[in-house]
Amino acid sequence: MNIALMAHDKKKELMAEFCIAYSGILKKHNLCATSTTGTYIGDATGLPVTKFLAGSQGGVQQIVSRIAFNEIDLVLFFDDPIARQPHEPDIAPLIKTCDMHNIPVATNIATAEVLVIGLERGDLAWREIARESR
């Protein structure tokens, strides 16, 4: 599966720690991320991560467009609900596009854990079947 990873600045370390904890599962999949988040993850885990632009420079839109073209199967986006973000208007289209294309999305570590464990158990296999039928 193709998994997109993003995190607001105050959540990047948490995302890296999450990816360390679940690297055994994540290494079986294709990972992509916005630039700085991808660097955090790659440095912390050694996992290969395709990096797009920084979120504030259009990276979120790059991922949204890949979702629209069925190139992303799962999104893990660790949101910081407290701090206002300069690219905050980009987040609503991300969630909306995931909803429109039936892409599972987690905005916090609890939901991300459920999705990644489900991915390992095969609970998200329907995504791969749907991809193959296209």
N, C-alpha and C. Protein backbone atom coordinates (compact mmCIF):
# COMPACT_ATOMS: atom_id res chain seq x y z
N MET A 1 0.83 -1.18 0.00
CA MET A 1 0.00 0.00 0.00
C MET A 1 0.88 1.25 0.00
N ASN A 2 0.32 2.32 -0.50
CA ASN A 2 0.98 3.62 -0.50
C ASN A 2 0.45 4.44 0.66
N ILE A 3 1.34 4.79 1.57
CA ILE A 3 0.95 5.49 2.80
C ILE A 3 1.57 6.88 2.81
N ALA A 4 0.72 7.90 2.99
CA ALA A 4 1.18 9.29 3.09
C ALA A 4 1.30 9.66 4.56
N LEU A 5 2.40 10.30 4.91
CA LEU A 5 2.68 10.70 6.29
C LEU A 5 2.91 12.20 6.35
N MET A 6 2.20 12.85 7.27
CA MET A 6 2.35 14.29 7.46
C MET A 6 2.18 14.60 8.94
N ALA A 7 2.80 15.67 9.37
CA ALA A 7 2.66 16.08 10.77
C ALA A 7 2.95 17.56 10.91
N HIS A 8 2.15 18.22 11.71
CA HIS A 8 2.46 19.61 12.03
C HIS A 8 3.75 19.65 12.84
N ASP A 9 4.38 20.81 12.90
CA ASP A 9 5.71 20.94 13.51
C ASP A 9 5.80 20.33 14.91
N LYS A 10 4.83 20.62 15.76
CA LYS A 10 4.89 20.10 17.14
C LYS A 10 4.57 18.62 17.23
N LYS A 11 4.20 17.99 16.12
CA LYS A 11 3.86 16.56 16.11
C LYS A 11 4.85 15.72 15.30
N LYS A 12 5.86 16.36 14.72
CA LYS A 12 6.82 15.63 13.88
C LYS A 12 7.61 14.59 14.69
N GLU A 13 8.03 14.96 15.88
CA GLU A 13 8.76 14.00 16.72
C GLU A 13 7.87 12.81 17.07
N LEU A 14 6.61 13.08 17.38
CA LEU A 14 5.66 12.00 17.67
C LEU A 14 5.50 11.09 16.46
N MET A 15 5.42 11.67 15.26
CA MET A 15 5.30 10.87 14.04
C MET A 15 6.53 9.99 13.87
N ALA A 16 7.71 10.55 14.11
CA ALA A 16 8.94 9.76 13.99
C ALA A 16 8.94 8.61 14.99
N GLU A 17 8.53 8.88 16.22
CA GLU A 17 8.47 7.83 17.25
C GLU A 17 7.45 6.76 16.87
N PHE A 18 6.32 7.18 16.31
CA PHE A 18 5.29 6.25 15.85
C PHE A 18 5.88 5.34 14.77
N CYS A 19 6.59 5.93 13.83
CA CYS A 19 7.17 5.16 12.72
C CYS A 19 8.27 4.21 13.21
N ILE A 20 9.00 4.61 14.25
CA ILE A 20 9.98 3.69 14.86
C ILE A 20 9.23 2.49 15.45
N ALA A 21 8.18 2.76 16.20
CA ALA A 21 7.43 1.70 16.86
C ALA A 21 6.80 0.74 15.87
N TYR A 22 6.38 1.24 14.73
CA TYR A 22 5.69 0.41 13.74
C TYR A 22 6.51 0.20 12.46
N SER A 23 7.83 0.36 12.57
CA SER A 23 8.67 0.22 11.38
C SER A 23 8.59 -1.17 10.77
N GLY A 24 8.37 -2.18 11.58
CA GLY A 24 8.23 -3.54 11.07
C GLY A 24 7.06 -3.68 10.12
N ILE A 25 6.00 -2.94 10.36
CA ILE A 25 4.84 -2.95 9.48
C ILE A 25 5.06 -1.98 8.33
N LEU A 26 5.51 -0.79 8.62
CA LEU A 26 5.64 0.25 7.61
C LEU A 26 6.66 -0.10 6.53
N LYS A 27 7.69 -0.88 6.87
CA LYS A 27 8.71 -1.21 5.87
C LYS A 27 8.17 -2.07 4.74
N LYS A 28 7.01 -2.65 4.93
CA LYS A 28 6.38 -3.49 3.90
C LYS A 28 5.59 -2.68 2.88
N HIS A 29 5.55 -1.36 3.08
CA HIS A 29 4.71 -0.50 2.26
C HIS A 29 5.53 0.66 1.69
N ASN A 30 4.93 1.35 0.72
CA ASN A 30 5.56 2.53 0.13
C ASN A 30 5.15 3.75 0.93
N LEU A 31 6.14 4.47 1.42
CA LEU A 31 5.88 5.64 2.25
C LEU A 31 6.20 6.91 1.47
N CYS A 32 5.34 7.90 1.63
CA CYS A 32 5.64 9.23 1.11
C CYS A 32 5.26 10.23 2.19
N ALA A 33 5.84 11.41 2.11
CA ALA A 33 5.60 12.39 3.16
C ALA A 33 5.91 13.78 2.64
N THR A 34 5.41 14.76 3.36
CA THR A 34 5.86 16.12 3.11
C THR A 34 7.32 16.19 3.54
N SER A 35 8.04 17.16 3.04
CA SER A 35 9.50 17.22 3.11
C SER A 35 10.08 17.05 4.52
N THR A 36 9.74 17.93 5.42
CA THR A 36 10.36 17.90 6.75
C THR A 36 9.94 16.66 7.52
N THR A 37 8.67 16.29 7.43
CA THR A 37 8.20 15.08 8.09
C THR A 37 8.93 13.87 7.54
N GLY A 38 9.09 13.81 6.23
CA GLY A 38 9.79 12.70 5.60
C GLY A 38 11.24 12.60 6.07
N THR A 39 11.88 13.75 6.24
CA THR A 39 13.26 13.76 6.74
C THR A 39 13.32 13.24 8.17
N TYR A 40 12.40 13.69 9.03
CA TYR A 40 12.34 13.19 10.41
C TYR A 40 12.20 11.68 10.42
N ILE A 41 11.27 11.17 9.62
CA ILE A 41 10.99 9.73 9.60
C ILE A 41 12.19 8.95 9.05
N GLY A 42 12.72 9.41 7.93
CA GLY A 42 13.86 8.73 7.33
C GLY A 42 15.06 8.68 8.26
N ASP A 43 15.37 9.81 8.90
CA ASP A 43 16.50 9.87 9.82
C ASP A 43 16.29 8.97 11.05
N ALA A 44 15.06 8.93 11.55
CA ALA A 44 14.77 8.17 12.76
C ALA A 44 14.68 6.67 12.52
N THR A 45 14.20 6.28 11.34
CA THR A 45 13.90 4.86 11.10
C THR A 45 14.78 4.20 10.05
N GLY A 46 15.35 4.98 9.16
CA GLY A 46 16.07 4.41 8.04
C GLY A 46 15.15 3.90 6.94
N LEU A 47 13.85 4.08 7.11
CA LEU A 47 12.90 3.65 6.09
C LEU A 47 12.99 4.57 4.88
N PRO A 48 12.82 4.01 3.68
CA PRO A 48 12.79 4.88 2.49
C PRO A 48 11.47 5.66 2.45
N VAL A 49 11.58 6.95 2.25
CA VAL A 49 10.40 7.82 2.21
C VAL A 49 10.52 8.74 0.99
N THR A 50 9.54 8.68 0.11
CA THR A 50 9.48 9.63 -1.00
C THR A 50 9.02 10.96 -0.43
N LYS A 51 9.79 12.01 -0.67
CA LYS A 51 9.47 13.31 -0.08
C LYS A 51 8.93 14.28 -1.12
N PHE A 52 7.85 14.94 -0.75
CA PHE A 52 7.27 16.00 -1.56
C PHE A 52 7.71 17.34 -0.97
N LEU A 53 7.12 18.41 -1.44
CA LEU A 53 7.42 19.73 -0.90
C LEU A 53 7.01 19.81 0.57
N ALA A 54 7.50 20.80 1.27
CA ALA A 54 7.05 21.05 2.63
C ALA A 54 5.54 21.34 2.59
N GLY A 55 4.85 21.02 3.65
CA GLY A 55 3.40 21.24 3.68
C GLY A 55 3.01 22.67 3.37
N SER A 56 3.75 23.62 3.92
CA SER A 56 3.43 25.03 3.71
C SER A 56 3.80 25.52 2.32
N GLN A 57 4.53 24.71 1.57
CA GLN A 57 4.96 25.10 0.22
C GLN A 57 4.26 24.30 -0.88
N GLY A 58 3.20 23.59 -0.52
CA GLY A 58 2.44 22.86 -1.52
C GLY A 58 2.49 21.35 -1.39
N GLY A 59 3.21 20.84 -0.41
CA GLY A 59 3.30 19.39 -0.22
C GLY A 59 1.97 18.73 0.08
N VAL A 60 1.14 19.41 0.85
CA VAL A 60 -0.19 18.86 1.16
C VAL A 60 -0.99 18.73 -0.14
N GLN A 61 -0.93 19.75 -0.99
CA GLN A 61 -1.65 19.70 -2.26
C GLN A 61 -1.12 18.59 -3.16
N GLN A 62 0.19 18.35 -3.13
CA GLN A 62 0.75 17.26 -3.91
C GLN A 62 0.17 15.92 -3.46
N ILE A 63 0.04 15.74 -2.17
CA ILE A 63 -0.52 14.50 -1.65
C ILE A 63 -2.01 14.42 -1.97
N VAL A 64 -2.72 15.53 -1.84
CA VAL A 64 -4.15 15.55 -2.18
C VAL A 64 -4.36 15.13 -3.64
N SER A 65 -3.52 15.63 -4.54
CA SER A 65 -3.68 15.27 -5.95
C SER A 65 -3.42 13.79 -6.16
N ARG A 66 -2.49 13.20 -5.43
CA ARG A 66 -2.23 11.77 -5.56
C ARG A 66 -3.38 10.94 -4.99
N ILE A 67 -4.02 11.45 -3.97
CA ILE A 67 -5.22 10.77 -3.45
C ILE A 67 -6.30 10.77 -4.53
N ALA A 68 -6.48 11.91 -5.18
CA ALA A 68 -7.51 12.04 -6.22
C ALA A 68 -7.25 11.09 -7.39
N PHE A 69 -5.99 10.77 -7.64
CA PHE A 69 -5.63 9.86 -8.73
C PHE A 69 -5.41 8.43 -8.23
N ASN A 70 -5.93 8.12 -7.04
CA ASN A 70 -5.84 6.78 -6.45
C ASN A 70 -4.42 6.27 -6.31
N GLU A 71 -3.50 7.15 -5.98
CA GLU A 71 -2.11 6.76 -5.78
C GLU A 71 -1.74 6.68 -4.31
N ILE A 72 -2.68 7.00 -3.43
CA ILE A 72 -2.47 6.92 -1.98
C ILE A 72 -3.59 6.06 -1.41
N ASP A 73 -3.22 5.12 -0.51
CA ASP A 73 -4.20 4.21 0.07
C ASP A 73 -4.53 4.50 1.52
N LEU A 74 -3.66 5.24 2.20
CA LEU A 74 -3.82 5.50 3.62
C LEU A 74 -3.08 6.78 3.96
N VAL A 75 -3.68 7.62 4.81
CA VAL A 75 -3.06 8.87 5.21
C VAL A 75 -2.96 8.92 6.73
N LEU A 76 -1.75 9.20 7.21
CA LEU A 76 -1.52 9.44 8.63
C LEU A 76 -1.04 10.88 8.74
N PHE A 77 -1.88 11.71 9.31
CA PHE A 77 -1.59 13.14 9.43
C PHE A 77 -1.75 13.53 10.89
N PHE A 78 -0.64 13.75 11.58
CA PHE A 78 -0.71 14.12 12.99
C PHE A 78 -0.90 15.62 13.08
N ASP A 79 -2.11 15.97 13.40
CA ASP A 79 -2.56 17.36 13.47
C ASP A 79 -2.27 17.95 14.85
N ASP A 80 -1.90 19.20 14.87
CA ASP A 80 -1.76 19.94 16.13
C ASP A 80 -2.98 20.84 16.24
N PRO A 81 -4.00 20.43 16.99
CA PRO A 81 -5.24 21.20 17.04
C PRO A 81 -5.12 22.50 17.83
N ILE A 82 -4.05 22.68 18.56
CA ILE A 82 -3.88 23.86 19.40
C ILE A 82 -3.28 25.03 18.62
N ALA A 83 -2.17 24.78 17.94
CA ALA A 83 -1.45 25.85 17.24
C ALA A 83 -2.04 26.11 15.86
N ARG A 84 -2.21 27.36 15.56
CA ARG A 84 -2.68 27.74 14.22
C ARG A 84 -1.54 27.54 13.23
N GLN A 85 -1.85 26.95 12.08
CA GLN A 85 -0.85 26.64 11.08
C GLN A 85 -1.01 27.56 9.87
N PRO A 86 0.10 27.98 9.25
CA PRO A 86 -0.01 28.87 8.09
C PRO A 86 -0.70 28.20 6.90
N HIS A 87 -0.60 26.88 6.80
CA HIS A 87 -1.23 26.17 5.69
C HIS A 87 -2.49 25.43 6.13
N GLU A 88 -3.11 25.92 7.21
CA GLU A 88 -4.32 25.31 7.74
C GLU A 88 -5.44 25.17 6.70
N PRO A 89 -5.63 26.14 5.80
CA PRO A 89 -6.67 25.97 4.79
C PRO A 89 -6.45 24.76 3.88
N ASP A 90 -5.24 24.23 3.82
CA ASP A 90 -4.97 23.05 2.98
C ASP A 90 -5.48 21.76 3.61
N ILE A 91 -5.72 21.77 4.90
CA ILE A 91 -6.08 20.55 5.61
C ILE A 91 -7.52 20.13 5.31
N ALA A 92 -8.44 21.05 5.23
CA ALA A 92 -9.83 20.70 4.93
C ALA A 92 -9.94 19.98 3.59
N PRO A 93 -9.29 20.45 2.52
CA PRO A 93 -9.35 19.69 1.26
C PRO A 93 -8.72 18.30 1.37
N LEU A 94 -7.70 18.15 2.21
CA LEU A 94 -7.09 16.84 2.42
C LEU A 94 -8.12 15.86 2.98
N ILE A 95 -8.78 16.27 4.05
CA ILE A 95 -9.77 15.40 4.69
C ILE A 95 -10.94 15.15 3.73
N LYS A 96 -11.40 16.19 3.06
CA LYS A 96 -12.52 16.05 2.13
C LYS A 96 -12.17 15.09 0.98
N THR A 97 -10.97 15.21 0.45
CA THR A 97 -10.56 14.33 -0.65
C THR A 97 -10.44 12.89 -0.17
N CYS A 98 -9.93 12.68 1.04
CA CYS A 98 -9.90 11.33 1.61
C CYS A 98 -11.31 10.77 1.72
N ASP A 99 -12.23 11.58 2.19
CA ASP A 99 -13.63 11.13 2.31
C ASP A 99 -14.24 10.81 0.96
N MET A 100 -13.99 11.67 -0.02
CA MET A 100 -14.55 11.45 -1.37
C MET A 100 -14.02 10.17 -2.00
N HIS A 101 -12.76 9.84 -1.74
CA HIS A 101 -12.14 8.67 -2.37
C HIS A 101 -12.02 7.47 -1.44
N ASN A 102 -12.71 7.55 -0.31
CA ASN A 102 -12.77 6.44 0.64
C ASN A 102 -11.38 6.01 1.11
N ILE A 103 -10.56 6.99 1.45
CA ILE A 103 -9.20 6.75 1.92
C ILE A 103 -9.18 6.87 3.44
N PRO A 104 -8.76 5.82 4.15
CA PRO A 104 -8.65 5.94 5.60
C PRO A 104 -7.64 7.02 5.98
N VAL A 105 -8.02 7.85 6.95
CA VAL A 105 -7.13 8.93 7.39
C VAL A 105 -7.15 9.01 8.91
N ALA A 106 -5.97 9.15 9.49
CA ALA A 106 -5.85 9.33 10.94
C ALA A 106 -5.25 10.70 11.19
N THR A 107 -5.82 11.43 12.12
CA THR A 107 -5.28 12.75 12.47
C THR A 107 -4.64 12.76 13.85
N ASN A 108 -4.59 11.59 14.49
CA ASN A 108 -3.96 11.50 15.80
C ASN A 108 -3.34 10.11 15.95
N ILE A 109 -2.51 9.96 16.97
CA ILE A 109 -1.77 8.72 17.13
C ILE A 109 -2.67 7.53 17.46
N ALA A 110 -3.75 7.74 18.19
CA ALA A 110 -4.64 6.63 18.54
C ALA A 110 -5.27 6.02 17.29
N THR A 111 -5.78 6.86 16.41
CA THR A 111 -6.40 6.37 15.18
C THR A 111 -5.35 5.78 14.25
N ALA A 112 -4.18 6.38 14.20
CA ALA A 112 -3.10 5.86 13.36
C ALA A 112 -2.72 4.44 13.80
N GLU A 113 -2.66 4.24 15.10
CA GLU A 113 -2.32 2.92 15.61
C GLU A 113 -3.36 1.88 15.19
N VAL A 114 -4.62 2.22 15.30
CA VAL A 114 -5.69 1.30 14.89
C VAL A 114 -5.56 0.97 13.41
N LEU A 115 -5.31 1.99 12.58
CA LEU A 115 -5.19 1.75 11.14
C LEU A 115 -3.97 0.90 10.79
N VAL A 116 -2.84 1.16 11.40
CA VAL A 116 -1.62 0.42 11.08
C VAL A 116 -1.72 -1.03 11.56
N ILE A 117 -2.28 -1.23 12.72
CA ILE A 117 -2.49 -2.61 13.20
C ILE A 117 -3.49 -3.33 12.29
N GLY A 118 -4.54 -2.62 11.90
CA GLY A 118 -5.50 -3.20 10.95
C GLY A 118 -4.86 -3.53 9.62
N LEU A 119 -3.97 -2.66 9.17
CA LEU A 119 -3.24 -2.90 7.92
C LEU A 119 -2.44 -4.19 8.02
N GLU A 120 -1.76 -4.39 9.13
CA GLU A 120 -0.96 -5.59 9.32
C GLU A 120 -1.84 -6.85 9.38
N ARG A 121 -3.01 -6.75 9.98
CA ARG A 121 -3.91 -7.90 10.07
C ARG A 121 -4.62 -8.21 8.77
N GLY A 122 -4.55 -7.27 7.81
CA GLY A 122 -5.23 -7.48 6.54
C GLY A 122 -6.60 -6.86 6.47
N ASP A 123 -6.95 -6.06 7.47
CA ASP A 123 -8.27 -5.44 7.50
C ASP A 123 -8.46 -4.43 6.38
N LEU A 124 -7.39 -3.91 5.80
CA LEU A 124 -7.50 -2.92 4.74
C LEU A 124 -7.21 -3.54 3.38
N ALA A 125 -7.29 -4.85 3.27
CA ALA A 125 -6.99 -5.54 2.02
C ALA A 125 -7.94 -5.11 0.90
N TRP A 126 -9.13 -4.67 1.24
CA TRP A 126 -10.09 -4.23 0.22
C TRP A 126 -9.52 -3.10 -0.61
N ARG A 127 -8.62 -2.29 -0.05
CA ARG A 127 -8.00 -1.19 -0.81
C ARG A 127 -7.16 -1.76 -1.95
N GLU A 128 -6.40 -2.81 -1.68
CA GLU A 128 -5.56 -3.41 -2.71
C GLU A 128 -6.41 -4.09 -3.76
N ILE A 129 -7.50 -4.72 -3.36
CA ILE A 129 -8.41 -5.38 -4.32
C ILE A 129 -9.03 -4.32 -5.22
N ALA A 130 -9.45 -3.20 -4.64
CA ALA A 130 -10.05 -2.11 -5.42
C ALA A 130 -9.03 -1.52 -6.39
N ARG A 131 -7.78 -1.39 -5.96
CA ARG A 131 -6.73 -0.84 -6.81
C ARG A 131 -6.49 -1.78 -8.00
N GLU A 132 -6.44 -3.09 -7.75
CA GLU A 132 -6.18 -4.05 -8.82
C GLU A 132 -7.31 -4.12 -9.84
N SER A 133 -8.52 -3.82 -9.41
CA SER A 133 -9.68 -3.91 -10.32
C SER A 133 -9.79 -2.70 -11.24
N ARG A 134 -8.97 -1.68 -11.01
CA ARG A 134 -9.05 -0.47 -11.84
C ARG A 134 -8.25 -0.61 -13.10
